[in-house]
Amino acid sequence: TNITAKYIAEATGLQIERLLSGEQGGKQQIASRIAYNEIDVLIYFRDTRPSSEAFSEHDKVEKELLLACDRYNIPVATNIATAEMLIHGLERGDLDWREIQRA
C-alpha cells in the first residue's frame, strides 16, 4: 500500500507503483491485481501489535489478501528479512519463472 511502497522505493531505489493506503482500499486494489496476475511479488508489512478488538474487517481483508497470494502463487513477504530476500531474488532474476508461467 502507499506507505510501504514509499519506504521500499526510498530504501532500494526501485520504481514501485503506490496504491491507496490499506484503510482506503489499497488491499482490495492489490487483491484485484493479484487475481489478474499483475503482481510478481507482494511485500506487505502488517501491524503485529495485539488488537483489542475481536477479529476485525481489517483482519478479514488482510487474510483474504494473503490467501490470494497462496492461490495465485505470488511470493509474499510480511517482514523485513523476507522482503530483503525477495528483493535480492528479483535483482538476480530468481523470480523469472513468473514470466514463463504467464505465457
PDB file of N, CA and C in Angstrom:
ATOM      1  N   THR A   1       0.840  -1.182   0.000  1.00  0.00           N
ATOM      2  CA  THR A   1       0.000   0.000   0.000  1.00  0.00           C
ATOM      3  C   THR A   1       0.881   1.239   0.000  1.00  0.00           C
ATOM      4  N   ASN A   2       0.333   2.366   0.149  1.00  0.00           N
ATOM      5  CA  ASN A   2       1.012   3.630  -0.074  1.00  0.00           C
ATOM      6  C   ASN A   2       2.279   3.826   0.766  1.00  0.00           C
ATOM      7  N   ILE A   3       2.182   3.694   2.055  1.00  0.00           N
ATOM      8  CA  ILE A   3       3.337   3.973   2.928  1.00  0.00           C
ATOM      9  C   ILE A   3       4.439   2.938   2.742  1.00  0.00           C
ATOM     10  N   THR A   4       4.078   1.655   2.684  1.00  0.00           N
ATOM     11  CA  THR A   4       5.089   0.607   2.488  1.00  0.00           C
ATOM     12  C   THR A   4       5.823   0.832   1.178  1.00  0.00           C
ATOM     13  N   ALA A   5       5.095   1.142   0.115  1.00  0.00           N
ATOM     14  CA  ALA A   5       5.727   1.386  -1.187  1.00  0.00           C
ATOM     15  C   ALA A   5       6.691   2.561  -1.114  1.00  0.00           C
ATOM     16  N   LYS A   6       6.298   3.591  -0.396  1.00  0.00           N
ATOM     17  CA  LYS A   6       7.167   4.764  -0.241  1.00  0.00           C
ATOM     18  C   LYS A   6       8.482   4.375   0.433  1.00  0.00           C
ATOM     19  N   TYR A   7       8.398   3.640   1.527  1.00  0.00           N
ATOM     20  CA  TYR A   7       9.603   3.237   2.257  1.00  0.00           C
ATOM     21  C   TYR A   7      10.506   2.351   1.414  1.00  0.00           C
ATOM     22  N   ILE A   8       9.914   1.404   0.710  1.00  0.00           N
ATOM     23  CA  ILE A   8      10.716   0.483  -0.102  1.00  0.00           C
ATOM     24  C   ILE A   8      11.391   1.235  -1.247  1.00  0.00           C
ATOM     25  N   ALA A   9      10.663   2.123  -1.914  1.00  0.00           N
ATOM     26  CA  ALA A   9      11.239   2.894  -3.017  1.00  0.00           C
ATOM     27  C   ALA A   9      12.402   3.750  -2.529  1.00  0.00           C
ATOM     28  N   GLU A  10      12.229   4.398  -1.391  1.00  0.00           N
ATOM     29  CA  GLU A  10      13.292   5.250  -0.849  1.00  0.00           C
ATOM     30  C   GLU A  10      14.516   4.432  -0.450  1.00  0.00           C
ATOM     31  N   ALA A  11      14.307   3.253   0.121  1.00  0.00           N
ATOM     32  CA  ALA A  11      15.423   2.442   0.613  1.00  0.00           C
ATOM     33  C   ALA A  11      16.154   1.694  -0.490  1.00  0.00           C
ATOM     34  N   THR A  12      15.448   1.353  -1.562  1.00  0.00           N
ATOM     35  CA  THR A  12      16.051   0.496  -2.591  1.00  0.00           C
ATOM     36  C   THR A  12      16.296   1.188  -3.923  1.00  0.00           C
ATOM     37  N   GLY A  13      15.598   2.283  -4.165  1.00  0.00           N
ATOM     38  CA  GLY A  13      15.697   2.919  -5.468  1.00  0.00           C
ATOM     39  C   GLY A  13      14.846   2.236  -6.529  1.00  0.00           C
ATOM     40  N   LEU A  14      14.104   1.199  -6.139  1.00  0.00           N
ATOM     41  CA  LEU A  14      13.224   0.512  -7.075  1.00  0.00           C
ATOM     42  C   LEU A  14      12.039   1.405  -7.420  1.00  0.00           C
ATOM     43  N   GLN A  15      11.561   1.275  -8.654  1.00  0.00           N
ATOM     44  CA  GLN A  15      10.367   2.002  -9.049  1.00  0.00           C
ATOM     45  C   GLN A  15       9.161   1.168  -8.638  1.00  0.00           C
ATOM     46  N   ILE A  16       8.356   1.703  -7.740  1.00  0.00           N
ATOM     47  CA  ILE A  16       7.225   0.969  -7.185  1.00  0.00           C
ATOM     48  C   ILE A  16       5.971   1.810  -7.350  1.00  0.00           C
ATOM     49  N   GLU A  17       4.940   1.184  -7.884  1.00  0.00           N
ATOM     50  CA  GLU A  17       3.665   1.889  -8.018  1.00  0.00           C
ATOM     51  C   GLU A  17       2.991   1.932  -6.654  1.00  0.00           C
ATOM     52  N   ARG A  18       2.637   3.124  -6.236  1.00  0.00           N
ATOM     53  CA  ARG A  18       1.996   3.293  -4.938  1.00  0.00           C
ATOM     54  C   ARG A  18       0.486   3.289  -5.114  1.00  0.00           C
ATOM     55  N   LEU A  19      -0.181   2.479  -4.324  1.00  0.00           N
ATOM     56  CA  LEU A  19      -1.633   2.383  -4.354  1.00  0.00           C
ATOM     57  C   LEU A  19      -2.211   3.155  -3.179  1.00  0.00           C
ATOM     58  N   LEU A  20      -3.495   3.057  -2.999  1.00  0.00           N
ATOM     59  CA  LEU A  20      -4.148   3.691  -1.849  1.00  0.00           C
ATOM     60  C   LEU A  20      -3.626   3.080  -0.559  1.00  0.00           C
ATOM     61  N   SER A  21      -3.798   3.768   0.543  1.00  0.00           N
ATOM     62  CA  SER A  21      -3.461   3.159   1.829  1.00  0.00           C
ATOM     63  C   SER A  21      -4.431   2.012   2.072  1.00  0.00           C
ATOM     64  N   GLY A  22      -4.060   1.115   2.954  1.00  0.00           N
ATOM     65  CA  GLY A  22      -4.876  -0.071   3.213  1.00  0.00           C
ATOM     66  C   GLY A  22      -6.293   0.250   3.624  1.00  0.00           C
ATOM     67  N   GLU A  23      -6.455   1.218   4.499  1.00  0.00           N
ATOM     68  CA  GLU A  23      -7.771   1.571   5.000  1.00  0.00           C
ATOM     69  C   GLU A  23      -8.636   2.230   3.939  1.00  0.00           C
ATOM     70  N   GLN A  24      -8.020   2.763   2.900  1.00  0.00           N
ATOM     71  CA  GLN A  24      -8.768   3.448   1.844  1.00  0.00           C
ATOM     72  C   GLN A  24      -9.012   2.562   0.629  1.00  0.00           C
ATOM     73  N   GLY A  25      -8.729   1.275   0.748  1.00  0.00           N
ATOM     74  CA  GLY A  25      -8.993   0.356  -0.352  1.00  0.00           C
ATOM     75  C   GLY A  25      -7.758  -0.219  -1.012  1.00  0.00           C
ATOM     76  N   GLY A  26      -6.582   0.089  -0.487  1.00  0.00           N
ATOM     77  CA  GLY A  26      -5.341  -0.412  -1.078  1.00  0.00           C
ATOM     78  C   GLY A  26      -5.254  -1.927  -1.110  1.00  0.00           C
ATOM     79  N   LYS A  27      -5.728  -2.576  -0.064  1.00  0.00           N
ATOM     80  CA  LYS A  27      -5.684  -4.043  -0.028  1.00  0.00           C
ATOM     81  C   LYS A  27      -6.568  -4.640  -1.116  1.00  0.00           C
ATOM     82  N   GLN A  28      -7.725  -4.030  -1.337  1.00  0.00           N
ATOM     83  CA  GLN A  28      -8.613  -4.515  -2.385  1.00  0.00           C
ATOM     84  C   GLN A  28      -7.986  -4.283  -3.765  1.00  0.00           C
ATOM     85  N   GLN A  29      -7.275  -3.171  -3.938  1.00  0.00           N
ATOM     86  CA  GLN A  29      -6.574  -2.927  -5.200  1.00  0.00           C
ATOM     87  C   GLN A  29      -5.524  -4.006  -5.443  1.00  0.00           C
ATOM     88  N   ILE A  30      -4.798  -4.354  -4.401  1.00  0.00           N
ATOM     89  CA  ILE A  30      -3.767  -5.378  -4.531  1.00  0.00           C
ATOM     90  C   ILE A  30      -4.402  -6.733  -4.866  1.00  0.00           C
ATOM     91  N   ALA A  31      -5.454  -7.094  -4.150  1.00  0.00           N
ATOM     92  CA  ALA A  31      -6.122  -8.376  -4.390  1.00  0.00           C
ATOM     93  C   ALA A  31      -6.618  -8.474  -5.827  1.00  0.00           C
ATOM     94  N   SER A  32      -7.148  -7.404  -6.345  1.00  0.00           N
ATOM     95  CA  SER A  32      -7.622  -7.394  -7.733  1.00  0.00           C
ATOM     96  C   SER A  32      -6.468  -7.613  -8.700  1.00  0.00           C
ATOM     97  N   ARG A  33      -5.361  -6.964  -8.460  1.00  0.00           N
ATOM     98  CA  ARG A  33      -4.193  -7.117  -9.335  1.00  0.00           C
ATOM     99  C   ARG A  33      -3.586  -8.507  -9.235  1.00  0.00           C
ATOM    100  N   ILE A  34      -3.663  -9.101  -8.062  1.00  0.00           N
ATOM    101  CA  ILE A  34      -3.195 -10.481  -7.912  1.00  0.00           C
ATOM    102  C   ILE A  34      -4.052 -11.398  -8.776  1.00  0.00           C
ATOM    103  N   ALA A  35      -5.362 -11.222  -8.719  1.00  0.00           N
ATOM    104  CA  ALA A  35      -6.284 -12.064  -9.484  1.00  0.00           C
ATOM    105  C   ALA A  35      -6.050 -11.934 -10.992  1.00  0.00           C
ATOM    106  N   TYR A  36      -5.600 -10.766 -11.442  1.00  0.00           N
ATOM    107  CA  TYR A  36      -5.329 -10.551 -12.862  1.00  0.00           C
ATOM    108  C   TYR A  36      -3.857 -10.786 -13.209  1.00  0.00           C
ATOM    109  N   ASN A  37      -3.108 -11.383 -12.292  1.00  0.00           N
ATOM    110  CA  ASN A  37      -1.699 -11.736 -12.495  1.00  0.00           C
ATOM    111  C   ASN A  37      -0.847 -10.522 -12.862  1.00  0.00           C
ATOM    112  N   GLU A  38      -1.093  -9.410 -12.188  1.00  0.00           N
ATOM    113  CA  GLU A  38      -0.353  -8.176 -12.445  1.00  0.00           C
ATOM    114  C   GLU A  38       0.686  -7.876 -11.370  1.00  0.00           C
ATOM    115  N   ILE A  39       0.835  -8.780 -10.415  1.00  0.00           N
ATOM    116  CA  ILE A  39       1.794  -8.572  -9.327  1.00  0.00           C
ATOM    117  C   ILE A  39       2.741  -9.763  -9.283  1.00  0.00           C
ATOM    118  N   ASP A  40       4.043  -9.474  -9.266  1.00  0.00           N
ATOM    119  CA  ASP A  40       5.044 -10.538  -9.210  1.00  0.00           C
ATOM    120  C   ASP A  40       5.447 -10.885  -7.795  1.00  0.00           C
ATOM    121  N   VAL A  41       5.485  -9.882  -6.918  1.00  0.00           N
ATOM    122  CA  VAL A  41       5.913 -10.061  -5.533  1.00  0.00           C
ATOM    123  C   VAL A  41       5.086  -9.118  -4.667  1.00  0.00           C
ATOM    124  N   LEU A  42       4.667  -9.603  -3.516  1.00  0.00           N
ATOM    125  CA  LEU A  42       3.959  -8.747  -2.572  1.00  0.00           C
ATOM    126  C   LEU A  42       4.796  -8.595  -1.316  1.00  0.00           C
ATOM    127  N   ILE A  43       5.086  -7.364  -0.978  1.00  0.00           N
ATOM    128  CA  ILE A  43       5.740  -7.053   0.292  1.00  0.00           C
ATOM    129  C   ILE A  43       4.699  -6.301   1.105  1.00  0.00           C
ATOM    130  N   TYR A  44       4.251  -6.934   2.163  1.00  0.00           N
ATOM    131  CA  TYR A  44       3.136  -6.399   2.936  1.00  0.00           C
ATOM    132  C   TYR A  44       3.493  -6.441   4.415  1.00  0.00           C
ATOM    133  N   PHE A  45       3.934  -5.308   4.940  1.00  0.00           N
ATOM    134  CA  PHE A  45       4.283  -5.235   6.352  1.00  0.00           C
ATOM    135  C   PHE A  45       3.008  -4.981   7.139  1.00  0.00           C
ATOM    136  N   ARG A  46       2.633  -5.929   7.957  1.00  0.00           N
ATOM    137  CA  ARG A  46       1.391  -5.773   8.705  1.00  0.00           C
ATOM    138  C   ARG A  46       1.667  -5.343  10.139  1.00  0.00           C
ATOM    139  N   ASP A  47       0.643  -4.832  10.744  1.00  0.00           N
ATOM    140  CA  ASP A  47       0.720  -4.384  12.128  1.00  0.00           C
ATOM    141  C   ASP A  47       0.678  -5.620  13.029  1.00  0.00           C
ATOM    142  N   THR A  48       1.740  -5.853  13.745  1.00  0.00           N
ATOM    143  CA  THR A  48       1.821  -7.055  14.592  1.00  0.00           C
ATOM    144  C   THR A  48       1.441  -6.780  16.050  1.00  0.00           C
ATOM    145  N   ARG A  49       1.049  -5.555  16.315  1.00  0.00           N
ATOM    146  CA  ARG A  49       0.628  -5.249  17.688  1.00  0.00           C
ATOM    147  C   ARG A  49      -0.698  -5.931  17.987  1.00  0.00           C
ATOM    148  N   PRO A  50      -0.857  -6.440  19.210  1.00  0.00           N
ATOM    149  CA  PRO A  50      -2.128  -7.077  19.551  1.00  0.00           C
ATOM    150  C   PRO A  50      -3.283  -6.088  19.444  1.00  0.00           C
ATOM    151  N   SER A  51      -4.385  -6.565  18.905  1.00  0.00           N
ATOM    152  CA  SER A  51      -5.564  -5.722  18.746  1.00  0.00           C
ATOM    153  C   SER A  51      -6.509  -5.948  19.913  1.00  0.00           C
ATOM    154  N   SER A  52      -7.103  -4.874  20.390  1.00  0.00           N
ATOM    155  CA  SER A  52      -8.069  -5.014  21.480  1.00  0.00           C
ATOM    156  C   SER A  52      -9.419  -5.479  20.942  1.00  0.00           C
ATOM    157  N   GLU A  53      -9.599  -5.342  19.632  1.00  0.00           N
ATOM    158  CA  GLU A  53     -10.851  -5.761  19.011  1.00  0.00           C
ATOM    159  C   GLU A  53     -10.810  -7.251  18.702  1.00  0.00           C
ATOM    160  N   ALA A  54     -11.975  -7.830  18.590  1.00  0.00           N
ATOM    161  CA  ALA A  54     -12.057  -9.201  18.080  1.00  0.00           C
ATOM    162  C   ALA A  54     -11.713  -9.142  16.600  1.00  0.00           C
ATOM    163  N   PHE A  55     -11.792 -10.242  15.935  1.00  0.00           N
ATOM    164  CA  PHE A  55     -11.465 -10.335  14.515  1.00  0.00           C
ATOM    165  C   PHE A  55     -12.170  -9.218  13.748  1.00  0.00           C
ATOM    166  N   SER A  56     -11.417  -8.278  13.242  1.00  0.00           N
ATOM    167  CA  SER A  56     -11.995  -7.092  12.604  1.00  0.00           C
ATOM    168  C   SER A  56     -12.093  -7.267  11.096  1.00  0.00           C
ATOM    169  N   GLU A  57     -12.788  -6.344  10.467  1.00  0.00           N
ATOM    170  CA  GLU A  57     -12.893  -6.344   8.998  1.00  0.00           C
ATOM    171  C   GLU A  57     -11.504  -6.195   8.388  1.00  0.00           C
ATOM    172  N   HIS A  58     -10.655  -5.405   9.012  1.00  0.00           N
ATOM    173  CA  HIS A  58      -9.271  -5.227   8.554  1.00  0.00           C
ATOM    174  C   HIS A  58      -8.555  -6.578   8.520  1.00  0.00           C
ATOM    175  N   ASP A  59      -8.709  -7.379   9.573  1.00  0.00           N
ATOM    176  CA  ASP A  59      -8.082  -8.692   9.634  1.00  0.00           C
ATOM    177  C   ASP A  59      -8.613  -9.614   8.538  1.00  0.00           C
ATOM    178  N   LYS A  60      -9.905  -9.530   8.277  1.00  0.00           N
ATOM    179  CA  LYS A  60     -10.523 -10.371   7.259  1.00  0.00           C
ATOM    180  C   LYS A  60      -9.959 -10.048   5.870  1.00  0.00           C
ATOM    181  N   VAL A  61      -9.860  -8.769   5.552  1.00  0.00           N
ATOM    182  CA  VAL A  61      -9.325  -8.353   4.251  1.00  0.00           C
ATOM    183  C   VAL A  61      -7.865  -8.761   4.137  1.00  0.00           C
ATOM    184  N   GLU A  62      -7.111  -8.598   5.214  1.00  0.00           N
ATOM    185  CA  GLU A  62      -5.699  -8.988   5.222  1.00  0.00           C
ATOM    186  C   GLU A  62      -5.557 -10.486   4.975  1.00  0.00           C
ATOM    187  N   LYS A  63      -6.353 -11.288   5.643  1.00  0.00           N
ATOM    188  CA  LYS A  63      -6.301 -12.733   5.469  1.00  0.00           C
ATOM    189  C   LYS A  63      -6.641 -13.116   4.025  1.00  0.00           C
ATOM    190  N   GLU A  64      -7.647 -12.485   3.460  1.00  0.00           N
ATOM    191  CA  GLU A  64      -8.032 -12.772   2.077  1.00  0.00           C
ATOM    192  C   GLU A  64      -6.920 -12.387   1.107  1.00  0.00           C
ATOM    193  N   LEU A  65      -6.219 -11.298   1.389  1.00  0.00           N
ATOM    194  CA  LEU A  65      -5.115 -10.868   0.551  1.00  0.00           C
ATOM    195  C   LEU A  65      -3.998 -11.908   0.552  1.00  0.00           C
ATOM    196  N   LEU A  66      -3.640 -12.390   1.729  1.00  0.00           N
ATOM    197  CA  LEU A  66      -2.578 -13.393   1.820  1.00  0.00           C
ATOM    198  C   LEU A  66      -3.008 -14.724   1.218  1.00  0.00           C
ATOM    199  N   LEU A  67      -4.273 -15.081   1.358  1.00  0.00           N
ATOM    200  CA  LEU A  67      -4.785 -16.297   0.716  1.00  0.00           C
ATOM    201  C   LEU A  67      -4.743 -16.178  -0.809  1.00  0.00           C
ATOM    202  N   ALA A  68      -5.008 -14.982  -1.325  1.00  0.00           N
ATOM    203  CA  ALA A  68      -4.924 -14.763  -2.775  1.00  0.00           C
ATOM    204  C   ALA A  68      -3.500 -15.006  -3.263  1.00  0.00           C
ATOM    205  N   CYS A  69      -2.515 -14.593  -2.479  1.00  0.00           N
ATOM    206  CA  CYS A  69      -1.117 -14.858  -2.847  1.00  0.00           C
ATOM    207  C   CYS A  69      -0.863 -16.355  -2.907  1.00  0.00           C
ATOM    208  N   ASP A  70      -1.384 -17.095  -1.960  1.00  0.00           N
ATOM    209  CA  ASP A  70      -1.237 -18.548  -1.980  1.00  0.00           C
ATOM    210  C   ASP A  70      -1.928 -19.140  -3.208  1.00  0.00           C
ATOM    211  N   ARG A  71      -3.135 -18.688  -3.467  1.00  0.00           N
ATOM    212  CA  ARG A  71      -3.935 -19.213  -4.570  1.00  0.00           C
ATOM    213  C   ARG A  71      -3.271 -18.971  -5.926  1.00  0.00           C
ATOM    214  N   TYR A  72      -2.695 -17.787  -6.109  1.00  0.00           N
ATOM    215  CA  TYR A  72      -2.125 -17.399  -7.400  1.00  0.00           C
ATOM    216  C   TYR A  72      -0.604 -17.508  -7.438  1.00  0.00           C
ATOM    217  N   ASN A  73      -0.030 -18.147  -6.424  1.00  0.00           N
ATOM    218  CA  ASN A  73       1.407 -18.432  -6.390  1.00  0.00           C
ATOM    219  C   ASN A  73       2.263 -17.164  -6.460  1.00  0.00           C
ATOM    220  N   ILE A  74       1.906 -16.179  -5.643  1.00  0.00           N
ATOM    221  CA  ILE A  74       2.642 -14.918  -5.570  1.00  0.00           C
ATOM    222  C   ILE A  74       3.559 -14.961  -4.353  1.00  0.00           C
ATOM    223  N   PRO A  75       4.873 -14.810  -4.545  1.00  0.00           N
ATOM    224  CA  PRO A  75       5.762 -14.736  -3.384  1.00  0.00           C
ATOM    225  C   PRO A  75       5.386 -13.532  -2.521  1.00  0.00           C
ATOM    226  N   VAL A  76       5.325 -13.747  -1.209  1.00  0.00           N
ATOM    227  CA  VAL A  76       4.898 -12.681  -0.305  1.00  0.00           C
ATOM    228  C   VAL A  76       5.839 -12.597   0.902  1.00  0.00           C
ATOM    229  N   ALA A  77       6.138 -11.366   1.300  1.00  0.00           N
ATOM    230  CA  ALA A  77       6.948 -11.127   2.490  1.00  0.00           C
ATOM    231  C   ALA A  77       6.142 -10.270   3.449  1.00  0.00           C
ATOM    232  N   THR A  78       6.118 -10.667   4.707  1.00  0.00           N
ATOM    233  CA  THR A  78       5.424  -9.867   5.713  1.00  0.00           C
ATOM    234  C   THR A  78       6.388  -9.312   6.755  1.00  0.00           C
ATOM    235  N   ASN A  79       7.678  -9.468   6.499  1.00  0.00           N
ATOM    236  CA  ASN A  79       8.672  -8.903   7.412  1.00  0.00           C
ATOM    237  C   ASN A  79       9.899  -8.480   6.613  1.00  0.00           C
ATOM    238  N   ILE A  80      10.745  -7.690   7.215  1.00  0.00           N
ATOM    239  CA  ILE A  80      11.890  -7.112   6.516  1.00  0.00           C
ATOM    240  C   ILE A  80      12.863  -8.178   6.022  1.00  0.00           C
ATOM    241  N   ALA A  81      13.110  -9.214   6.809  1.00  0.00           N
ATOM    242  CA  ALA A  81      14.067 -10.242   6.405  1.00  0.00           C
ATOM    243  C   ALA A  81      13.628 -10.938   5.122  1.00  0.00           C
ATOM    244  N   THR A  82      12.367 -11.329   5.058  1.00  0.00           N
ATOM    245  CA  THR A  82      11.869 -11.999   3.862  1.00  0.00           C
ATOM    246  C   THR A  82      11.788 -11.026   2.690  1.00  0.00           C
ATOM    247  N   ALA A  83      11.410  -9.794   2.958  1.00  0.00           N
ATOM    248  CA  ALA A  83      11.355  -8.788   1.892  1.00  0.00           C
ATOM    249  C   ALA A  83      12.728  -8.603   1.261  1.00  0.00           C
ATOM    250  N   GLU A  84      13.757  -8.546   2.089  1.00  0.00           N
ATOM    251  CA  GLU A  84      15.111  -8.390   1.565  1.00  0.00           C
ATOM    252  C   GLU A  84      15.496  -9.567   0.672  1.00  0.00           C
ATOM    253  N   MET A  85      15.124 -10.764   1.081  1.00  0.00           N
ATOM    254  CA  MET A  85      15.406 -11.950   0.260  1.00  0.00           C
ATOM    255  C   MET A  85      14.693 -11.870  -1.088  1.00  0.00           C
ATOM    256  N   LEU A  86      13.437 -11.454  -1.086  1.00  0.00           N
ATOM    257  CA  LEU A  86      12.703 -11.347  -2.341  1.00  0.00           C
ATOM    258  C   LEU A  86      13.284 -10.260  -3.247  1.00  0.00           C
ATOM    259  N   ILE A  87      13.663  -9.145  -2.678  1.00  0.00           N
ATOM    260  CA  ILE A  87      14.246  -8.067  -3.479  1.00  0.00           C
ATOM    261  C   ILE A  87      15.551  -8.513  -4.111  1.00  0.00           C
ATOM    262  N   HIS A  88      16.398  -9.173  -3.343  1.00  0.00           N
ATOM    263  CA  HIS A  88      17.653  -9.690  -3.909  1.00  0.00           C
ATOM    264  C   HIS A  88      17.367 -10.741  -4.978  1.00  0.00           C
ATOM    265  N   GLY A  89      16.346 -11.554  -4.743  1.00  0.00           N
ATOM    266  CA  GLY A  89      15.953 -12.551  -5.743  1.00  0.00           C
ATOM    267  C   GLY A  89      15.491 -11.905  -7.037  1.00  0.00           C
ATOM    268  N   LEU A  90      14.744 -10.822  -6.934  1.00  0.00           N
ATOM    269  CA  LEU A  90      14.320 -10.084  -8.131  1.00  0.00           C
ATOM    270  C   LEU A  90      15.527  -9.557  -8.894  1.00  0.00           C
ATOM    271  N   GLU A  91      16.494  -9.004  -8.162  1.00  0.00           N
ATOM    272  CA  GLU A  91      17.695  -8.450  -8.793  1.00  0.00           C
ATOM    273  C   GLU A  91      18.487  -9.531  -9.528  1.00  0.00           C
ATOM    274  N   ARG A  92      18.528 -10.724  -8.958  1.00  0.00           N
ATOM    275  CA  ARG A  92      19.287 -11.829  -9.555  1.00  0.00           C
ATOM    276  C   ARG A  92      18.521 -12.543 -10.660  1.00  0.00           C
ATOM    277  N   GLY A  93      17.220 -12.290 -10.768  1.00  0.00           N
ATOM    278  CA  GLY A  93      16.413 -12.985 -11.768  1.00  0.00           C
ATOM    279  C   GLY A  93      15.840 -14.294 -11.262  1.00  0.00           C
ATOM    280  N   ASP A  94      15.889 -14.511  -9.960  1.00  0.00           N
ATOM    281  CA  ASP A  94      15.391 -15.766  -9.389  1.00  0.00           C
ATOM    282  C   ASP A  94      13.894 -15.951  -9.590  1.00  0.00           C
ATOM    283  N   LEU A  95      13.175 -14.875  -9.838  1.00  0.00           N
ATOM    284  CA  LEU A  95      11.724 -14.974  -9.993  1.00  0.00           C
ATOM    285  C   LEU A  95      11.293 -14.872 -11.452  1.00  0.00           C
ATOM    286  N   ASP A  96      12.230 -15.074 -12.376  1.00  0.00           N
ATOM    287  CA  ASP A  96      11.895 -15.019 -13.796  1.00  0.00           C
ATOM    288  C   ASP A  96      10.912 -16.115 -14.199  1.00  0.00           C
ATOM    289  N   TRP A  97      10.799 -17.172 -13.397  1.00  0.00           N
ATOM    290  CA  TRP A  97       9.844 -18.238 -13.691  1.00  0.00           C
ATOM    291  C   TRP A  97       8.419 -17.699 -13.745  1.00  0.00           C
ATOM    292  N   ARG A  98       8.152 -16.563 -13.110  1.00  0.00           N
ATOM    293  CA  ARG A  98       6.807 -15.976 -13.158  1.00  0.00           C
ATOM    294  C   ARG A  98       6.468 -15.545 -14.589  1.00  0.00           C
ATOM    295  N   GLU A  99       7.464 -15.069 -15.331  1.00  0.00           N
ATOM    296  CA  GLU A  99       7.225 -14.681 -16.725  1.00  0.00           C
ATOM    297  C   GLU A  99       6.870 -15.901 -17.568  1.00  0.00           C
ATOM    298  N   ILE A 100       7.532 -17.011 -17.331  1.00  0.00           N
ATOM    299  CA  ILE A 100       7.253 -18.252 -18.073  1.00  0.00           C
ATOM    300  C   ILE A 100       5.850 -18.738 -17.744  1.00  0.00           C
ATOM    301  N   GLN A 101       5.479 -18.640 -16.475  1.00  0.00           N
ATOM    302  CA  GLN A 101       4.165 -19.112 -16.025  1.00  0.00           C
ATOM    303  C   GLN A 101       3.042 -18.315 -16.687  1.00  0.00           C
ATOM    304  N   ARG A 102       3.245 -17.038 -16.948  1.00  0.00           N
ATOM    305  CA  ARG A 102       2.216 -16.186 -17.550  1.00  0.00           C
ATOM    306  C   ARG A 102       1.937 -16.552 -19.005  1.00  0.00           C
ATOM    307  N   ALA A 103       2.932 -17.050 -19.685  1.00  0.00           N
ATOM    308  CA  ALA A 103       2.800 -17.313 -21.136  1.00  0.00           C
ATOM    309  C   ALA A 103       1.786 -18.404 -21.437  1.00  0.00           C
TER     310      ALA A 103
END
